[in-house]
Structures are given as structure tokens and as C-alpha cells.
């Protein structure tokens, strides 16, 4: 068996690695920002980031008995996406992002 490394596979791996890093950074930024700006703690927030820089869905869930303004959570997520994309030097268009906020 012969395994060939080609530049296309290496480029795909690099792209995947950078997108995984971006997703991880975004999750951390969103959780940190929400906990700083609300009474929520890390353990009560569930976040899922799905997709890539061209089409992304960010879902945030938190307990329904906590009085937190959904609009503020939405703004925190948008600001976090902007901060992470700037830090990682990646362009993420607002039109390509879906933000879902749910209470559990």
C-alpha cells in the first residue's frame, strides 16, 4: 500500500485545522463573554457551532428560569464572532450566520 501526500490534501488539512481552531475560539469567546455580561455561569450555558466560515450556525442554550435578555445574548454572539474573525484574520459575513437562542 502506498500513501501519497499531495499539496491539495495538505491544503485541505490546513483549512480544516484553521476552521476547527476558529470554531473552538468562537465557542470559548461566546461562553466567556456571556458569563462576563450576565449572571449565567459556564456550566449552565450550552453552545454549538456548526458549519464553516462560509455558512455558520451558532446555537446558545441557557436555563429558562434565568432572567436574561435574548437580544443581549444575540449581541454578545455577534460581537464574539466579529472579535474572533478579526483575531484570526478571517472574514465571516453576517448574512452567512444563523444564531439560535433557546431556553431549556
C-alpha atoms as a PDB file:
ATOM      1  CA  UNK A   1       0.000   0.000   0.000  1.00  0.00           C
ATOM      2  CA  UNK A   2       1.332   3.391  -0.983  1.00  0.00           C
ATOM      3  CA  UNK A   3       0.117   6.630   0.598  1.00  0.00           C
ATOM      4  CA  UNK A   4       0.733   9.728  -1.411  1.00  0.00           C
ATOM      5  CA  UNK A   5       0.719  13.178   0.118  1.00  0.00           C
ATOM      6  CA  UNK A   6      -0.338  15.830  -2.303  1.00  0.00           C
ATOM      7  CA  UNK A   7      -0.500  19.554  -1.821  1.00  0.00           C
ATOM      8  CA  UNK A   8      -4.297  19.584  -2.207  1.00  0.00           C
ATOM      9  CA  UNK A   9      -4.739  17.210   0.738  1.00  0.00           C
ATOM     10  CA  UNK A  10      -2.270  19.219   2.811  1.00  0.00           C
ATOM     11  CA  UNK A  11      -4.134  22.418   1.924  1.00  0.00           C
ATOM     12  CA  UNK A  12      -7.469  20.810   2.848  1.00  0.00           C
ATOM     13  CA  UNK A  13      -5.980  19.640   6.160  1.00  0.00           C
ATOM     14  CA  UNK A  14      -4.673  23.145   6.867  1.00  0.00           C
ATOM     15  CA  UNK A  15      -8.069  24.659   6.053  1.00  0.00           C
ATOM     16  CA  UNK A  16      -9.844  22.140   8.267  1.00  0.00           C
ATOM     17  CA  UNK A  17      -7.384  22.768  11.086  1.00  0.00           C
ATOM     18  CA  UNK A  18      -7.836  26.542  10.879  1.00  0.00           C
ATOM     19  CA  UNK A  19     -11.643  26.193  10.794  1.00  0.00           C
ATOM     20  CA  UNK A  20     -11.586  23.885  13.830  1.00  0.00           C
ATOM     21  CA  UNK A  21      -9.411  26.422  15.642  1.00  0.00           C
ATOM     22  CA  UNK A  22     -11.833  29.194  14.674  1.00  0.00           C
ATOM     23  CA  UNK A  23     -14.823  27.201  15.968  1.00  0.00           C
ATOM     24  CA  UNK A  24     -13.031  26.429  19.224  1.00  0.00           C
ATOM     25  CA  UNK A  25     -12.008  30.071  19.702  1.00  0.00           C
ATOM     26  CA  UNK A  26     -15.550  31.203  18.945  1.00  0.00           C
ATOM     27  CA  UNK A  27     -17.094  28.798  21.467  1.00  0.00           C
ATOM     28  CA  UNK A  28     -14.676  29.979  24.157  1.00  0.00           C
ATOM     29  CA  UNK A  29     -15.254  33.651  23.349  1.00  0.00           C
ATOM     30  CA  UNK A  30     -19.046  33.321  23.419  1.00  0.00           C
ATOM     31  CA  UNK A  31     -19.065  31.485  26.749  1.00  0.00           C
ATOM     32  CA  UNK A  32     -16.593  33.903  28.319  1.00  0.00           C
ATOM     33  CA  UNK A  33     -18.492  36.954  27.075  1.00  0.00           C
ATOM     34  CA  UNK A  34     -21.883  35.645  28.218  1.00  0.00           C
ATOM     35  CA  UNK A  35     -20.590  34.799  31.696  1.00  0.00           C
ATOM     36  CA  UNK A  36     -18.970  38.236  31.998  1.00  0.00           C
ATOM     37  CA  UNK A  37     -22.095  40.109  30.933  1.00  0.00           C
ATOM     38  CA  UNK A  38     -24.819  38.030  32.610  1.00  0.00           C
ATOM     39  CA  UNK A  39     -25.482  36.112  35.790  1.00  0.00           C
ATOM     40  CA  UNK A  40     -25.067  32.824  33.915  1.00  0.00           C
ATOM     41  CA  UNK A  41     -22.178  30.517  34.758  1.00  0.00           C
ATOM     42  CA  UNK A  42     -20.240  28.333  32.323  1.00  0.00           C
ATOM     43  CA  UNK A  43     -21.948  25.139  33.423  1.00  0.00           C
ATOM     44  CA  UNK A  44     -25.420  26.454  32.606  1.00  0.00           C
ATOM     45  CA  UNK A  45     -24.604  27.531  29.035  1.00  0.00           C
ATOM     46  CA  UNK A  46     -24.693  25.101  26.137  1.00  0.00           C
ATOM     47  CA  UNK A  47     -23.203  26.264  22.860  1.00  0.00           C
ATOM     48  CA  UNK A  48     -22.890  24.588  19.500  1.00  0.00           C
ATOM     49  CA  UNK A  49     -21.129  25.987  16.459  1.00  0.00           C
ATOM     50  CA  UNK A  50     -21.826  24.216  13.200  1.00  0.00           C
ATOM     51  CA  UNK A  51     -20.633  24.862   9.676  1.00  0.00           C
ATOM     52  CA  UNK A  52     -17.675  26.811   8.391  1.00  0.00           C
ATOM     53  CA  UNK A  53     -16.673  30.396   7.625  1.00  0.00           C
ATOM     54  CA  UNK A  54     -18.959  30.476   4.588  1.00  0.00           C
ATOM     55  CA  UNK A  55     -22.089  29.277   6.402  1.00  0.00           C
ATOM     56  CA  UNK A  56     -22.272  29.059  10.169  1.00  0.00           C
ATOM     57  CA  UNK A  57     -24.909  28.320  12.798  1.00  0.00           C
ATOM     58  CA  UNK A  58     -24.314  29.275  16.403  1.00  0.00           C
ATOM     59  CA  UNK A  59     -26.766  27.868  18.957  1.00  0.00           C
ATOM     60  CA  UNK A  60     -26.797  29.057  22.557  1.00  0.00           C
ATOM     61  CA  UNK A  61     -28.989  27.497  25.245  1.00  0.00           C
ATOM     62  CA  UNK A  62     -29.449  28.565  28.837  1.00  0.00           C
ATOM     63  CA  UNK A  63     -31.905  27.880  31.679  1.00  0.00           C
ATOM     64  CA  UNK A  64     -35.380  29.313  31.184  1.00  0.00           C
ATOM     65  CA  UNK A  65     -35.670  30.409  34.797  1.00  0.00           C
ATOM     66  CA  UNK A  66     -32.815  32.917  34.408  1.00  0.00           C
ATOM     67  CA  UNK A  67     -33.807  36.454  33.507  1.00  0.00           C
ATOM     68  CA  UNK A  68     -31.518  37.249  30.591  1.00  0.00           C
ATOM     69  CA  UNK A  69     -32.451  39.330  27.584  1.00  0.00           C
ATOM     70  CA  UNK A  70     -32.246  37.252  24.401  1.00  0.00           C
ATOM     71  CA  UNK A  71     -31.332  40.388  22.456  1.00  0.00           C
ATOM     72  CA  UNK A  72     -28.272  40.821  24.657  1.00  0.00           C
ATOM     73  CA  UNK A  73     -27.237  37.193  24.096  1.00  0.00           C
ATOM     74  CA  UNK A  74     -27.670  37.729  20.343  1.00  0.00           C
ATOM     75  CA  UNK A  75     -25.450  40.831  20.508  1.00  0.00           C
ATOM     76  CA  UNK A  76     -22.810  39.004  22.558  1.00  0.00           C
ATOM     77  CA  UNK A  77     -22.694  36.224  19.953  1.00  0.00           C
ATOM     78  CA  UNK A  78     -22.429  38.737  17.094  1.00  0.00           C
ATOM     79  CA  UNK A  79     -19.660  40.656  18.893  1.00  0.00           C
ATOM     80  CA  UNK A  80     -17.825  37.411  19.656  1.00  0.00           C
ATOM     81  CA  UNK A  81     -17.959  36.353  16.005  1.00  0.00           C
ATOM     82  CA  UNK A  82     -16.583  39.742  14.986  1.00  0.00           C
ATOM     83  CA  UNK A  83     -13.791  39.617  17.604  1.00  0.00           C
ATOM     84  CA  UNK A  84     -12.712  36.077  16.740  1.00  0.00           C
ATOM     85  CA  UNK A  85     -12.856  36.620  12.980  1.00  0.00           C
ATOM     86  CA  UNK A  86     -10.696  39.743  13.338  1.00  0.00           C
ATOM     87  CA  UNK A  87      -8.232  37.986  15.650  1.00  0.00           C
ATOM     88  CA  UNK A  88      -7.981  35.020  13.280  1.00  0.00           C
ATOM     89  CA  UNK A  89      -7.908  37.282  10.203  1.00  0.00           C
ATOM     90  CA  UNK A  90     -10.964  35.593   8.693  1.00  0.00           C
ATOM     91  CA  UNK A  91     -13.934  37.248   7.027  1.00  0.00           C
ATOM     92  CA  UNK A  92     -17.314  35.984   8.181  1.00  0.00           C
ATOM     93  CA  UNK A  93     -20.272  37.754   6.633  1.00  0.00           C
ATOM     94  CA  UNK A  94     -23.256  38.439   8.923  1.00  0.00           C
ATOM     95  CA  UNK A  95     -25.570  37.162   6.175  1.00  0.00           C
ATOM     96  CA  UNK A  96     -23.866  33.759   6.411  1.00  0.00           C
ATOM     97  CA  UNK A  97     -24.507  33.339  10.129  1.00  0.00           C
ATOM     98  CA  UNK A  98     -27.595  31.913  11.809  1.00  0.00           C
ATOM     99  CA  UNK A  99     -27.865  32.490  15.547  1.00  0.00           C
ATOM    100  CA  UNK A 100     -30.304  30.359  17.552  1.00  0.00           C
ATOM    101  CA  UNK A 101     -31.047  31.160  21.169  1.00  0.00           C
ATOM    102  CA  UNK A 102     -33.019  28.653  23.201  1.00  0.00           C
ATOM    103  CA  UNK A 103     -34.023  28.244  26.803  1.00  0.00           C
ATOM    104  CA  UNK A 104     -34.114  24.822  28.415  1.00  0.00           C
END
